[in-house]
Amino acid sequence: MPTILLVEDNEMNRDMLSRRLMRKGYDVLLAVDGQQGIDMCLLQAKPDLMLLDMSLPVKDGWQVAREMKSHDVLQTIPIIALTAHAMADDRQRALLAGCDDYDTKPVDLPRLLGKIEHLLGTPE
């Protein structure tokens, strides 16, 4: 199964979402801040997809997305922005930063899984 890197600083969100993704058969890697997320992609296993909280310590999700998409090795990793910001311009801002898709919190798992499967090219 594909590997998903979940970059989320909130422990409850990280725990809940990682368990639900693992139950669906995904391998899940965890990072608690933006810099750790980038470092994990560069120094450890390159994930198949990144779920990226946009409000992170050290480097926020906007910075992470821009850095990932400007890096030769990392630019092909699809990124789904996860945020409690649900305004239309927040979605546009995430896409302009380099995210491939956008989803709001609280997470609607069926909707998020559809976006993951679409970006990974796997059947729903």
PDB file of N, CA and C in Angstrom:
ATOM      1  N   MET A   1       0.838  -1.203   0.000  1.00  0.00           N
ATOM      2  CA  MET A   1       0.000   0.000   0.000  1.00  0.00           C
ATOM      3  C   MET A   1       0.873   1.254   0.000  1.00  0.00           C
ATOM      4  N   PRO A   2       0.333   2.348  -0.468  1.00  0.00           N
ATOM      5  CA  PRO A   2       1.075   3.604  -0.493  1.00  0.00           C
ATOM      6  C   PRO A   2       1.395   4.113   0.917  1.00  0.00           C
ATOM      7  N   THR A   3       2.454   4.915   0.979  1.00  0.00           N
ATOM      8  CA  THR A   3       2.864   5.539   2.231  1.00  0.00           C
ATOM      9  C   THR A   3       2.427   6.993   2.229  1.00  0.00           C
ATOM     10  N   ILE A   4       1.766   7.400   3.316  1.00  0.00           N
ATOM     11  CA  ILE A   4       1.312   8.774   3.478  1.00  0.00           C
ATOM     12  C   ILE A   4       2.078   9.397   4.634  1.00  0.00           C
ATOM     13  N   LEU A   5       2.632  10.579   4.397  1.00  0.00           N
ATOM     14  CA  LEU A   5       3.263  11.353   5.458  1.00  0.00           C
ATOM     15  C   LEU A   5       2.235  12.350   5.967  1.00  0.00           C
ATOM     16  N   LEU A   6       1.877  12.228   7.230  1.00  0.00           N
ATOM     17  CA  LEU A   6       0.936  13.144   7.874  1.00  0.00           C
ATOM     18  C   LEU A   6       1.746  14.146   8.687  1.00  0.00           C
ATOM     19  N   VAL A   7       1.699  15.407   8.282  1.00  0.00           N
ATOM     20  CA  VAL A   7       2.410  16.473   8.986  1.00  0.00           C
ATOM     21  C   VAL A   7       1.354  17.269   9.751  1.00  0.00           C
ATOM     22  N   GLU A   8       1.298  17.021  11.048  1.00  0.00           N
ATOM     23  CA  GLU A   8       0.235  17.568  11.909  1.00  0.00           C
ATOM     24  C   GLU A   8       0.789  17.775  13.303  1.00  0.00           C
ATOM     25  N   ASP A   9       0.633  18.982  13.856  1.00  0.00           N
ATOM     26  CA  ASP A   9       1.174  19.259  15.187  1.00  0.00           C
ATOM     27  C   ASP A   9       0.202  18.939  16.315  1.00  0.00           C
ATOM     28  N   ASN A  10      -1.080  18.812  16.005  1.00  0.00           N
ATOM     29  CA  ASN A  10      -2.065  18.503  17.043  1.00  0.00           C
ATOM     30  C   ASN A  10      -2.103  16.992  17.280  1.00  0.00           C
ATOM     31  N   GLU A  11      -1.756  16.589  18.493  1.00  0.00           N
ATOM     32  CA  GLU A  11      -1.638  15.159  18.801  1.00  0.00           C
ATOM     33  C   GLU A  11      -2.935  14.398  18.583  1.00  0.00           C
ATOM     34  N   MET A  12      -4.053  14.976  18.999  1.00  0.00           N
ATOM     35  CA  MET A  12      -5.335  14.284  18.830  1.00  0.00           C
ATOM     36  C   MET A  12      -5.666  14.099  17.345  1.00  0.00           C
ATOM     37  N   ASN A  13      -5.480  15.137  16.550  1.00  0.00           N
ATOM     38  CA  ASN A  13      -5.741  15.031  15.106  1.00  0.00           C
ATOM     39  C   ASN A  13      -4.808  14.014  14.458  1.00  0.00           C
ATOM     40  N   ARG A  14      -3.539  14.067  14.847  1.00  0.00           N
ATOM     41  CA  ARG A  14      -2.538  13.158  14.291  1.00  0.00           C
ATOM     42  C   ARG A  14      -2.886  11.711  14.616  1.00  0.00           C
ATOM     43  N   ASP A  15      -3.245  11.454  15.860  1.00  0.00           N
ATOM     44  CA  ASP A  15      -3.566  10.098  16.296  1.00  0.00           C
ATOM     45  C   ASP A  15      -4.819   9.575  15.596  1.00  0.00           C
ATOM     46  N   MET A  16      -5.869  10.377  15.589  1.00  0.00           N
ATOM     47  CA  MET A  16      -7.141   9.956  15.002  1.00  0.00           C
ATOM     48  C   MET A  16      -6.988   9.683  13.510  1.00  0.00           C
ATOM     49  N   LEU A  17      -6.370  10.606  12.793  1.00  0.00           N
ATOM     50  CA  LEU A  17      -6.269  10.454  11.348  1.00  0.00           C
ATOM     51  C   LEU A  17      -5.307   9.328  10.971  1.00  0.00           C
ATOM     52  N   SER A  18      -4.205   9.197  11.673  1.00  0.00           N
ATOM     53  CA  SER A  18      -3.249   8.125  11.339  1.00  0.00           C
ATOM     54  C   SER A  18      -3.876   6.752  11.571  1.00  0.00           C
ATOM     55  N   ARG A  19      -4.617   6.582  12.657  1.00  0.00           N
ATOM     56  CA  ARG A  19      -5.264   5.280  12.910  1.00  0.00           C
ATOM     57  C   ARG A  19      -6.289   4.962  11.831  1.00  0.00           C
ATOM     58  N   ARG A  20      -7.054   5.958  11.420  1.00  0.00           N
ATOM     59  CA  ARG A  20      -8.078   5.728  10.402  1.00  0.00           C
ATOM     60  C   ARG A  20      -7.446   5.394   9.048  1.00  0.00           C
ATOM     61  N   LEU A  21      -6.349   6.046   8.724  1.00  0.00           N
ATOM     62  CA  LEU A  21      -5.660   5.751   7.462  1.00  0.00           C
ATOM     63  C   LEU A  21      -5.028   4.364   7.497  1.00  0.00           C
ATOM     64  N   MET A  22      -4.449   3.982   8.629  1.00  0.00           N
ATOM     65  CA  MET A  22      -3.842   2.649   8.737  1.00  0.00           C
ATOM     66  C   MET A  22      -4.905   1.566   8.616  1.00  0.00           C
ATOM     67  N   ARG A  23      -6.094   1.809   9.176  1.00  0.00           N
ATOM     68  CA  ARG A  23      -7.190   0.843   9.038  1.00  0.00           C
ATOM     69  C   ARG A  23      -7.610   0.669   7.585  1.00  0.00           C
ATOM     70  N   LYS A  24      -7.395   1.701   6.781  1.00  0.00           N
ATOM     71  CA  LYS A  24      -7.709   1.622   5.350  1.00  0.00           C
ATOM     72  C   LYS A  24      -6.554   0.999   4.565  1.00  0.00           C
ATOM     73  N   GLY A  25      -5.475   0.625   5.258  1.00  0.00           N
ATOM     74  CA  GLY A  25      -4.385  -0.083   4.611  1.00  0.00           C
ATOM     75  C   GLY A  25      -3.180   0.751   4.225  1.00  0.00           C
ATOM     76  N   TYR A  26      -3.183   2.033   4.553  1.00  0.00           N
ATOM     77  CA  TYR A  26      -2.039   2.882   4.215  1.00  0.00           C
ATOM     78  C   TYR A  26      -0.948   2.757   5.272  1.00  0.00           C
ATOM     79  N   ASP A  27       0.305   2.851   4.822  1.00  0.00           N
ATOM     80  CA  ASP A  27       1.418   3.022   5.747  1.00  0.00           C
ATOM     81  C   ASP A  27       1.462   4.509   6.060  1.00  0.00           C
ATOM     82  N   VAL A  28       1.618   4.854   7.335  1.00  0.00           N
ATOM     83  CA  VAL A  28       1.574   6.258   7.736  1.00  0.00           C
ATOM     84  C   VAL A  28       2.854   6.638   8.466  1.00  0.00           C
ATOM     85  N   LEU A  29       3.488   7.702   7.987  1.00  0.00           N
ATOM     86  CA  LEU A  29       4.613   8.320   8.670  1.00  0.00           C
ATOM     87  C   LEU A  29       4.104   9.600   9.306  1.00  0.00           C
ATOM     88  N   LEU A  30       4.694   9.988  10.444  1.00  0.00           N
ATOM     89  CA  LEU A  30       4.218  11.159  11.175  1.00  0.00           C
ATOM     90  C   LEU A  30       5.325  12.184  11.362  1.00  0.00           C
ATOM     91  N   ALA A  31       4.973  13.450  11.183  1.00  0.00           N
ATOM     92  CA  ALA A  31       5.855  14.569  11.485  1.00  0.00           C
ATOM     93  C   ALA A  31       5.039  15.598  12.256  1.00  0.00           C
ATOM     94  N   VAL A  32       5.689  16.287  13.201  1.00  0.00           N
ATOM     95  CA  VAL A  32       4.965  17.212  14.077  1.00  0.00           C
ATOM     96  C   VAL A  32       5.178  18.681  13.732  1.00  0.00           C
ATOM     97  N   ASP A  33       6.089  18.972  12.782  1.00  0.00           N
ATOM     98  CA  ASP A  33       6.252  20.348  12.313  1.00  0.00           C
ATOM     99  C   ASP A  33       6.704  20.326  10.859  1.00  0.00           C
ATOM    100  N   GLY A  34       6.659  21.485  10.242  1.00  0.00           N
ATOM    101  CA  GLY A  34       6.958  21.562   8.822  1.00  0.00           C
ATOM    102  C   GLY A  34       8.374  21.150   8.452  1.00  0.00           C
ATOM    103  N   GLN A  35       9.339  21.576   9.237  1.00  0.00           N
ATOM    104  CA  GLN A  35      10.720  21.212   8.927  1.00  0.00           C
ATOM    105  C   GLN A  35      10.938  19.711   9.046  1.00  0.00           C
ATOM    106  N   GLN A  36      10.343  19.106  10.069  1.00  0.00           N
ATOM    107  CA  GLN A  36      10.469  17.654  10.225  1.00  0.00           C
ATOM    108  C   GLN A  36       9.846  16.937   9.022  1.00  0.00           C
ATOM    109  N   GLY A  37       8.755  17.453   8.507  1.00  0.00           N
ATOM    110  CA  GLY A  37       8.124  16.853   7.335  1.00  0.00           C
ATOM    111  C   GLY A  37       9.043  16.866   6.129  1.00  0.00           C
ATOM    112  N   ILE A  38       9.680  18.008   5.870  1.00  0.00           N
ATOM    113  CA  ILE A  38      10.625  18.108   4.753  1.00  0.00           C
ATOM    114  C   ILE A  38      11.804  17.173   4.981  1.00  0.00           C
ATOM    115  N   ASP A  39      12.354  17.196   6.196  1.00  0.00           N
ATOM    116  CA  ASP A  39      13.511  16.352   6.506  1.00  0.00           C
ATOM    117  C   ASP A  39      13.191  14.875   6.310  1.00  0.00           C
ATOM    118  N   MET A  40      12.002  14.457   6.731  1.00  0.00           N
ATOM    119  CA  MET A  40      11.622  13.050   6.574  1.00  0.00           C
ATOM    120  C   MET A  40      11.572  12.670   5.096  1.00  0.00           C
ATOM    121  N   CYS A  41      11.087  13.570   4.258  1.00  0.00           N
ATOM    122  CA  CYS A  41      11.025  13.285   2.817  1.00  0.00           C
ATOM    123  C   CYS A  41      12.415  13.182   2.214  1.00  0.00           C
ATOM    124  N   LEU A  42      13.337  13.981   2.694  1.00  0.00           N
ATOM    125  CA  LEU A  42      14.695  13.990   2.152  1.00  0.00           C
ATOM    126  C   LEU A  42      15.572  12.885   2.721  1.00  0.00           C
ATOM    127  N   LEU A  43      15.442  12.615   4.023  1.00  0.00           N
ATOM    128  CA  LEU A  43      16.382  11.738   4.706  1.00  0.00           C
ATOM    129  C   LEU A  43      15.869  10.333   4.948  1.00  0.00           C
ATOM    130  N   GLN A  44      14.555  10.152   4.936  1.00  0.00           N
ATOM    131  CA  GLN A  44      13.988   8.830   5.182  1.00  0.00           C
ATOM    132  C   GLN A  44      13.288   8.369   3.910  1.00  0.00           C
ATOM    133  N   ALA A  45      12.220   7.649   4.083  1.00  0.00           N
ATOM    134  CA  ALA A  45      11.470   7.155   2.930  1.00  0.00           C
ATOM    135  C   ALA A  45      10.684   8.291   2.286  1.00  0.00           C
ATOM    136  N   LYS A  46      10.758   8.377   0.967  1.00  0.00           N
ATOM    137  CA  LYS A  46       9.962   9.356   0.236  1.00  0.00           C
ATOM    138  C   LYS A  46       8.515   8.858   0.201  1.00  0.00           C
ATOM    139  N   PRO A  47       7.582   9.613   0.805  1.00  0.00           N
ATOM    140  CA  PRO A  47       6.193   9.142   0.822  1.00  0.00           C
ATOM    141  C   PRO A  47       5.541   9.260  -0.554  1.00  0.00           C
ATOM    142  N   ASP A  48       4.452   8.541  -0.711  1.00  0.00           N
ATOM    143  CA  ASP A  48       3.681   8.616  -1.953  1.00  0.00           C
ATOM    144  C   ASP A  48       2.779   9.848  -1.975  1.00  0.00           C
ATOM    145  N   LEU A  49       2.458  10.374  -0.765  1.00  0.00           N
ATOM    146  CA  LEU A  49       1.570  11.521  -0.652  1.00  0.00           C
ATOM    147  C   LEU A  49       1.793  12.165   0.701  1.00  0.00           C
ATOM    148  N   MET A  50       1.586  13.478   0.774  1.00  0.00           N
ATOM    149  CA  MET A  50       1.700  14.203   2.039  1.00  0.00           C
ATOM    150  C   MET A  50       0.363  14.854   2.382  1.00  0.00           C
ATOM    151  N   LEU A  51      -0.075  14.638   3.624  1.00  0.00           N
ATOM    152  CA  LEU A  51      -1.204  15.385   4.182  1.00  0.00           C
ATOM    153  C   LEU A  51      -0.579  16.457   5.056  1.00  0.00           C
ATOM    154  N   LEU A  52      -0.820  17.713   4.740  1.00  0.00           N
ATOM    155  CA  LEU A  52      -0.087  18.820   5.334  1.00  0.00           C
ATOM    156  C   LEU A  52      -1.005  19.801   6.037  1.00  0.00           C
ATOM    157  N   ASP A  53      -0.913  19.833   7.370  1.00  0.00           N
ATOM    158  CA  ASP A  53      -1.592  20.874   8.133  1.00  0.00           C
ATOM    159  C   ASP A  53      -0.943  22.195   7.749  1.00  0.00           C
ATOM    160  N   MET A  54      -1.716  23.234   7.592  1.00  0.00           N
ATOM    161  CA  MET A  54      -1.147  24.511   7.153  1.00  0.00           C
ATOM    162  C   MET A  54      -0.692  25.381   8.320  1.00  0.00           C
ATOM    163  N   SER A  55      -1.193  25.126   9.517  1.00  0.00           N
ATOM    164  CA  SER A  55      -0.802  25.901  10.701  1.00  0.00           C
ATOM    165  C   SER A  55       0.144  25.072  11.550  1.00  0.00           C
ATOM    166  N   LEU A  56       1.427  25.135  11.217  1.00  0.00           N
ATOM    167  CA  LEU A  56       2.437  24.307  11.868  1.00  0.00           C
ATOM    168  C   LEU A  56       3.518  25.176  12.506  1.00  0.00           C
ATOM    169  N   PRO A  57       4.179  24.630  13.537  1.00  0.00           N
ATOM    170  CA  PRO A  57       5.343  25.334  14.078  1.00  0.00           C
ATOM    171  C   PRO A  57       6.573  25.124  13.189  1.00  0.00           C
ATOM    172  N   VAL A  58       7.596  25.890  13.439  1.00  0.00           N
ATOM    173  CA  VAL A  58       8.893  25.878  12.759  1.00  0.00           C
ATOM    174  C   VAL A  58       8.746  26.396  11.325  1.00  0.00           C
ATOM    175  N   LYS A  59       8.117  25.628  10.455  1.00  0.00           N
ATOM    176  CA  LYS A  59       7.756  26.079   9.107  1.00  0.00           C
ATOM    177  C   LYS A  59       6.290  25.756   8.903  1.00  0.00           C
ATOM    178  N   ASP A  60       5.512  26.766   8.508  1.00  0.00           N
ATOM    179  CA  ASP A  60       4.087  26.495   8.305  1.00  0.00           C
ATOM    180  C   ASP A  60       3.877  25.757   6.980  1.00  0.00           C
ATOM    181  N   GLY A  61       2.653  25.306   6.780  1.00  0.00           N
ATOM    182  CA  GLY A  61       2.334  24.508   5.602  1.00  0.00           C
ATOM    183  C   GLY A  61       2.558  25.241   4.290  1.00  0.00           C
ATOM    184  N   TRP A  62       2.352  26.560   4.289  1.00  0.00           N
ATOM    185  CA  TRP A  62       2.566  27.344   3.076  1.00  0.00           C
ATOM    186  C   TRP A  62       4.047  27.272   2.667  1.00  0.00           C
ATOM    187  N   GLN A  63       4.943  27.440   3.659  1.00  0.00           N
ATOM    188  CA  GLN A  63       6.384  27.361   3.390  1.00  0.00           C
ATOM    189  C   GLN A  63       6.778  25.953   2.939  1.00  0.00           C
ATOM    190  N   VAL A  64       6.237  24.952   3.624  1.00  0.00           N
ATOM    191  CA  VAL A  64       6.565  23.567   3.295  1.00  0.00           C
ATOM    192  C   VAL A  64       6.166  23.255   1.857  1.00  0.00           C
ATOM    193  N   ALA A  65       4.955  23.621   1.471  1.00  0.00           N
ATOM    194  CA  ALA A  65       4.485  23.337   0.114  1.00  0.00           C
ATOM    195  C   ALA A  65       5.382  24.014  -0.922  1.00  0.00           C
ATOM    196  N   ARG A  66       5.725  25.281  -0.694  1.00  0.00           N
ATOM    197  CA  ARG A  66       6.601  25.992  -1.643  1.00  0.00           C
ATOM    198  C   ARG A  66       7.964  25.311  -1.751  1.00  0.00           C
ATOM    199  N   GLU A  67       8.549  24.921  -0.606  1.00  0.00           N
ATOM    200  CA  GLU A  67       9.857  24.259  -0.623  1.00  0.00           C
ATOM    201  C   GLU A  67       9.797  22.890  -1.304  1.00  0.00           C
ATOM    202  N   MET A  68       8.740  22.134  -0.989  1.00  0.00           N
ATOM    203  CA  MET A  68       8.600  20.803  -1.594  1.00  0.00           C
ATOM    204  C   MET A  68       8.512  20.916  -3.118  1.00  0.00           C
ATOM    205  N   LYS A  69       7.723  21.840  -3.617  1.00  0.00           N
ATOM    206  CA  LYS A  69       7.505  21.948  -5.059  1.00  0.00           C
ATOM    207  C   LYS A  69       8.684  22.592  -5.785  1.00  0.00           C
ATOM    208  N   SER A  70       9.599  23.227  -5.051  1.00  0.00           N
ATOM    209  CA  SER A  70      10.778  23.811  -5.690  1.00  0.00           C
ATOM    210  C   SER A  70      11.986  22.875  -5.626  1.00  0.00           C
ATOM    211  N   HIS A  71      11.841  21.737  -4.954  1.00  0.00           N
ATOM    212  CA  HIS A  71      12.940  20.787  -4.792  1.00  0.00           C
ATOM    213  C   HIS A  71      12.810  19.664  -5.822  1.00  0.00           C
ATOM    214  N   ASP A  72      13.870  19.432  -6.593  1.00  0.00           N
ATOM    215  CA  ASP A  72      13.823  18.435  -7.677  1.00  0.00           C
ATOM    216  C   ASP A  72      13.339  17.064  -7.215  1.00  0.00           C
ATOM    217  N   VAL A  73      13.805  16.612  -6.060  1.00  0.00           N
ATOM    218  CA  VAL A  73      13.482  15.259  -5.581  1.00  0.00           C
ATOM    219  C   VAL A  73      12.076  15.182  -4.996  1.00  0.00           C
ATOM    220  N   LEU A  74      11.580  16.285  -4.456  1.00  0.00           N
ATOM    221  CA  LEU A  74      10.313  16.261  -3.708  1.00  0.00           C
ATOM    222  C   LEU A  74       9.111  16.785  -4.484  1.00  0.00           C
ATOM    223  N   GLN A  75       9.338  17.448  -5.604  1.00  0.00           N
ATOM    224  CA  GLN A  75       8.241  18.146  -6.270  1.00  0.00           C
ATOM    225  C   GLN A  75       7.148  17.232  -6.814  1.00  0.00           C
ATOM    226  N   THR A  76       7.444  15.950  -6.979  1.00  0.00           N
ATOM    227  CA  THR A  76       6.422  15.040  -7.513  1.00  0.00           C
ATOM    228  C   THR A  76       5.523  14.437  -6.435  1.00  0.00           C
ATOM    229  N   ILE A  77       5.833  14.683  -5.157  1.00  0.00           N
ATOM    230  CA  ILE A  77       4.990  14.156  -4.073  1.00  0.00           C
ATOM    231  C   ILE A  77       3.710  14.988  -4.009  1.00  0.00           C
ATOM    232  N   PRO A  78       2.547  14.363  -4.218  1.00  0.00           N
ATOM    233  CA  PRO A  78       1.290  15.115  -4.105  1.00  0.00           C
ATOM    234  C   PRO A  78       1.071  15.575  -2.664  1.00  0.00           C
ATOM    235  N   ILE A  79       0.554  16.803  -2.521  1.00  0.00           N
ATOM    236  CA  ILE A  79       0.294  17.389  -1.204  1.00  0.00           C
ATOM    237  C   ILE A  79      -1.175  17.766  -1.117  1.00  0.00           C
ATOM    238  N   ILE A  80      -1.816  17.306  -0.041  1.00  0.00           N
ATOM    239  CA  ILE A  80      -3.176  17.755   0.274  1.00  0.00           C
ATOM    240  C   ILE A  80      -3.080  18.634   1.505  1.00  0.00           C
ATOM    241  N   ALA A  81      -3.474  19.882   1.363  1.00  0.00           N
ATOM    242  CA  ALA A  81      -3.501  20.817   2.487  1.00  0.00           C
ATOM    243  C   ALA A  81      -4.675  20.455   3.390  1.00  0.00           C
ATOM    244  N   LEU A  82      -4.419  20.424   4.693  1.00  0.00           N
ATOM    245  CA  LEU A  82      -5.477  20.218   5.685  1.00  0.00           C
ATOM    246  C   LEU A  82      -5.528  21.459   6.571  1.00  0.00           C
ATOM    247  N   THR A  83      -6.685  22.075   6.651  1.00  0.00           N
ATOM    248  CA  THR A  83      -6.773  23.299   7.435  1.00  0.00           C
ATOM    249  C   THR A  83      -8.182  23.549   7.941  1.00  0.00           C
ATOM    250  N   ALA A  84      -8.243  24.229   9.056  1.00  0.00           N
ATOM    251  CA  ALA A  84      -9.529  24.658   9.595  1.00  0.00           C
ATOM    252  C   ALA A  84     -10.002  25.924   8.881  1.00  0.00           C
ATOM    253  N   HIS A  85      -9.118  26.557   8.119  1.00  0.00           N
ATOM    254  CA  HIS A  85      -9.482  27.748   7.345  1.00  0.00           C
ATOM    255  C   HIS A  85     -10.292  27.308   6.140  1.00  0.00           C
ATOM    256  N   ALA A  86     -11.543  27.707   6.103  1.00  0.00           N
ATOM    257  CA  ALA A  86     -12.445  27.185   5.070  1.00  0.00           C
ATOM    258  C   ALA A  86     -12.915  28.249   4.089  1.00  0.00           C
ATOM    259  N   MET A  87     -12.209  29.350   4.015  1.00  0.00           N
ATOM    260  CA  MET A  87     -12.593  30.402   3.084  1.00  0.00           C
ATOM    261  C   MET A  87     -12.066  30.068   1.685  1.00  0.00           C
ATOM    262  N   ALA A  88     -12.745  30.557   0.663  1.00  0.00           N
ATOM    263  CA  ALA A  88     -12.357  30.268  -0.714  1.00  0.00           C
ATOM    264  C   ALA A  88     -10.932  30.723  -1.011  1.00  0.00           C
ATOM    265  N   ASP A  89     -10.523  31.862  -0.459  1.00  0.00           N
ATOM    266  CA  ASP A  89      -9.177  32.337  -0.747  1.00  0.00           C
ATOM    267  C   ASP A  89      -8.113  31.487  -0.041  1.00  0.00           C
ATOM    268  N   ASP A  90      -8.479  30.787   1.035  1.00  0.00           N
ATOM    269  CA  ASP A  90      -7.539  29.870   1.685  1.00  0.00           C
ATOM    270  C   ASP A  90      -7.232  28.689   0.774  1.00  0.00           C
ATOM    271  N   ARG A  91      -8.253  28.177   0.107  1.00  0.00           N
ATOM    272  CA  ARG A  91      -8.048  27.085  -0.839  1.00  0.00           C
ATOM    273  C   ARG A  91      -7.126  27.535  -1.961  1.00  0.00           C
ATOM    274  N   GLN A  92      -7.420  28.708  -2.520  1.00  0.00           N
ATOM    275  CA  GLN A  92      -6.614  29.246  -3.616  1.00  0.00           C
ATOM    276  C   GLN A  92      -5.171  29.476  -3.160  1.00  0.00           C
ATOM    277  N   ARG A  93      -5.005  29.992  -1.963  1.00  0.00           N
ATOM    278  CA  ARG A  93      -3.668  30.252  -1.423  1.00  0.00           C
ATOM    279  C   ARG A  93      -2.868  28.947  -1.289  1.00  0.00           C
ATOM    280  N   ALA A  94      -3.531  27.889  -0.821  1.00  0.00           N
ATOM    281  CA  ALA A  94      -2.858  26.588  -0.683  1.00  0.00           C
ATOM    282  C   ALA A  94      -2.449  26.039  -2.050  1.00  0.00           C
ATOM    283  N   LEU A  95      -3.319  26.159  -3.035  1.00  0.00           N
ATOM    284  CA  LEU A  95      -3.003  25.673  -4.375  1.00  0.00           C
ATOM    285  C   LEU A  95      -1.871  26.487  -4.999  1.00  0.00           C
ATOM    286  N   LEU A  96      -1.873  27.787  -4.779  1.00  0.00           N
ATOM    287  CA  LEU A  96      -0.799  28.632  -5.307  1.00  0.00           C
ATOM    288  C   LEU A  96       0.540  28.334  -4.634  1.00  0.00           C
ATOM    289  N   ALA A  97       0.503  27.899  -3.368  1.00  0.00           N
ATOM    290  CA  ALA A  97       1.733  27.547  -2.656  1.00  0.00           C
ATOM    291  C   ALA A  97       2.324  26.237  -3.168  1.00  0.00           C
ATOM    292  N   GLY A  98       1.514  25.448  -3.877  1.00  0.00           N
ATOM    293  CA  GLY A  98       2.018  24.199  -4.439  1.00  0.00           C
ATOM    294  C   GLY A  98       1.244  22.960  -4.032  1.00  0.00           C
ATOM    295  N   CYS A  99       0.240  23.116  -3.185  1.00  0.00           N
ATOM    296  CA  CYS A  99      -0.564  21.953  -2.799  1.00  0.00           C
ATOM    297  C   CYS A  99      -1.371  21.480  -4.010  1.00  0.00           C
ATOM    298  N   ASP A 100      -1.563  20.174  -4.095  1.00  0.00           N
ATOM    299  CA  ASP A 100      -2.299  19.598  -5.219  1.00  0.00           C
ATOM    300  C   ASP A 100      -3.796  19.547  -4.963  1.00  0.00           C
ATOM    301  N   ASP A 101      -4.171  19.582  -3.686  1.00  0.00           N
ATOM    302  CA  ASP A 101      -5.581  19.595  -3.311  1.00  0.00           C
ATOM    303  C   ASP A 101      -5.689  20.195  -1.919  1.00  0.00           C
ATOM    304  N   TYR A 102      -6.907  20.320  -1.445  1.00  0.00           N
ATOM    305  CA  TYR A 102      -7.194  21.059  -0.218  1.00  0.00           C
ATOM    306  C   TYR A 102      -8.383  20.397   0.453  1.00  0.00           C
ATOM    307  N   ASP A 103      -8.313  20.241   1.769  1.00  0.00           N
ATOM    308  CA  ASP A 103      -9.450  19.704   2.507  1.00  0.00           C
ATOM    309  C   ASP A 103      -9.534  20.406   3.849  1.00  0.00           C
ATOM    310  N   THR A 104     -10.736  20.514   4.366  1.00  0.00           N
ATOM    311  CA  THR A 104     -10.949  21.247   5.607  1.00  0.00           C
ATOM    312  C   THR A 104     -11.065  20.308   6.805  1.00  0.00           C
ATOM    313  N   LYS A 105     -10.780  20.885   7.967  1.00  0.00           N
ATOM    314  CA  LYS A 105     -10.970  20.193   9.235  1.00  0.00           C
ATOM    315  C   LYS A 105     -12.264  20.718   9.835  1.00  0.00           C
ATOM    316  N   PRO A 106     -12.970  19.911  10.587  1.00  0.00           N
ATOM    317  CA  PRO A 106     -12.651  18.519  10.878  1.00  0.00           C
ATOM    318  C   PRO A 106     -12.735  17.674   9.612  1.00  0.00           C
ATOM    319  N   VAL A 107     -11.881  16.664   9.576  1.00  0.00           N
ATOM    320  CA  VAL A 107     -11.742  15.828   8.389  1.00  0.00           C
ATOM    321  C   VAL A 107     -12.975  14.965   8.184  1.00  0.00           C
ATOM    322  N   ASP A 108     -13.482  14.995   6.963  1.00  0.00           N
ATOM    323  CA  ASP A 108     -14.536  14.084   6.515  1.00  0.00           C
ATOM    324  C   ASP A 108     -13.787  12.954   5.814  1.00  0.00           C
ATOM    325  N   LEU A 109     -13.619  11.817   6.493  1.00  0.00           N
ATOM    326  CA  LEU A 109     -12.744  10.754   5.987  1.00  0.00           C
ATOM    327  C   LEU A 109     -13.127  10.257   4.589  1.00  0.00           C
ATOM    328  N   PRO A 110     -14.393   9.966   4.296  1.00  0.00           N
ATOM    329  CA  PRO A 110     -14.708   9.506   2.934  1.00  0.00           C
ATOM    330  C   PRO A 110     -14.298  10.524   1.859  1.00  0.00           C
ATOM    331  N   ARG A 111     -14.524  11.800   2.134  1.00  0.00           N
ATOM    332  CA  ARG A 111     -14.147  12.837   1.165  1.00  0.00           C
ATOM    333  C   ARG A 111     -12.622  12.887   1.012  1.00  0.00           C
ATOM    334  N   LEU A 112     -11.888  12.848   2.149  1.00  0.00           N
ATOM    335  CA  LEU A 112     -10.432  12.885   2.102  1.00  0.00           C
ATOM    336  C   LEU A 112      -9.873  11.651   1.397  1.00  0.00           C
ATOM    337  N   LEU A 113     -10.427  10.484   1.685  1.00  0.00           N
ATOM    338  CA  LEU A 113      -9.966   9.259   1.017  1.00  0.00           C
ATOM    339  C   LEU A 113     -10.162   9.347  -0.494  1.00  0.00           C
ATOM    340  N   GLY A 114     -11.260   9.951  -0.924  1.00  0.00           N
ATOM    341  CA  GLY A 114     -11.493  10.142  -2.356  1.00  0.00           C
ATOM    342  C   GLY A 114     -10.409  11.004  -2.988  1.00  0.00           C
ATOM    343  N   LYS A 115      -9.998  12.046  -2.290  1.00  0.00           N
ATOM    344  CA  LYS A 115      -8.940  12.926  -2.796  1.00  0.00           C
ATOM    345  C   LYS A 115      -7.598  12.198  -2.814  1.00  0.00           C
ATOM    346  N   ILE A 116      -7.316  11.434  -1.769  1.00  0.00           N
ATOM    347  CA  ILE A 116      -6.073  10.651  -1.708  1.00  0.00           C
ATOM    348  C   ILE A 116      -6.034   9.666  -2.864  1.00  0.00           C
ATOM    349  N   GLU A 117      -7.115   8.913  -3.034  1.00  0.00           N
ATOM    350  CA  GLU A 117      -7.166   7.896  -4.084  1.00  0.00           C
ATOM    351  C   GLU A 117      -7.061   8.520  -5.468  1.00  0.00           C
ATOM    352  N   HIS A 118      -7.666   9.683  -5.646  1.00  0.00           N
ATOM    353  CA  HIS A 118      -7.572  10.376  -6.927  1.00  0.00           C
ATOM    354  C   HIS A 118      -6.122  10.758  -7.238  1.00  0.00           C
ATOM    355  N   LEU A 119      -5.432  11.351  -6.256  1.00  0.00           N
ATOM    356  CA  LEU A 119      -4.055  11.784  -6.470  1.00  0.00           C
ATOM    357  C   LEU A 119      -3.083  10.606  -6.630  1.00  0.00           C
ATOM    358  N   LEU A 120      -3.363   9.510  -5.963  1.00  0.00           N
ATOM    359  CA  LEU A 120      -2.503   8.342  -6.074  1.00  0.00           C
ATOM    360  C   LEU A 120      -2.867   7.452  -7.265  1.00  0.00           C
ATOM    361  N   GLY A 121      -4.023   7.698  -7.859  1.00  0.00           N
ATOM    362  CA  GLY A 121      -4.452   6.892  -8.981  1.00  0.00           C
ATOM    363  C   GLY A 121      -4.906   5.497  -8.567  1.00  0.00           C
ATOM    364  N   THR A 122      -5.416   5.395  -7.328  1.00  0.00           N
ATOM    365  CA  THR A 122      -5.897   4.100  -6.835  1.00  0.00           C
ATOM    366  C   THR A 122      -7.420   4.101  -6.825  1.00  0.00           C
ATOM    367  N   PRO A 123      -8.040   2.921  -6.973  1.00  0.00           N
ATOM    368  CA  PRO A 123      -9.505   2.855  -6.991  1.00  0.00           C
ATOM    369  C   PRO A 123     -10.098   3.166  -5.622  1.00  0.00           C
ATOM    370  N   GLU A 124     -11.295   3.753  -5.649  1.00  0.00           N
ATOM    371  CA  GLU A 124     -11.986   4.079  -4.405  1.00  0.00           C
ATOM    372  C   GLU A 124     -12.613   2.864  -3.802  1.00  0.00           C
TER     373      GLU A 124
END
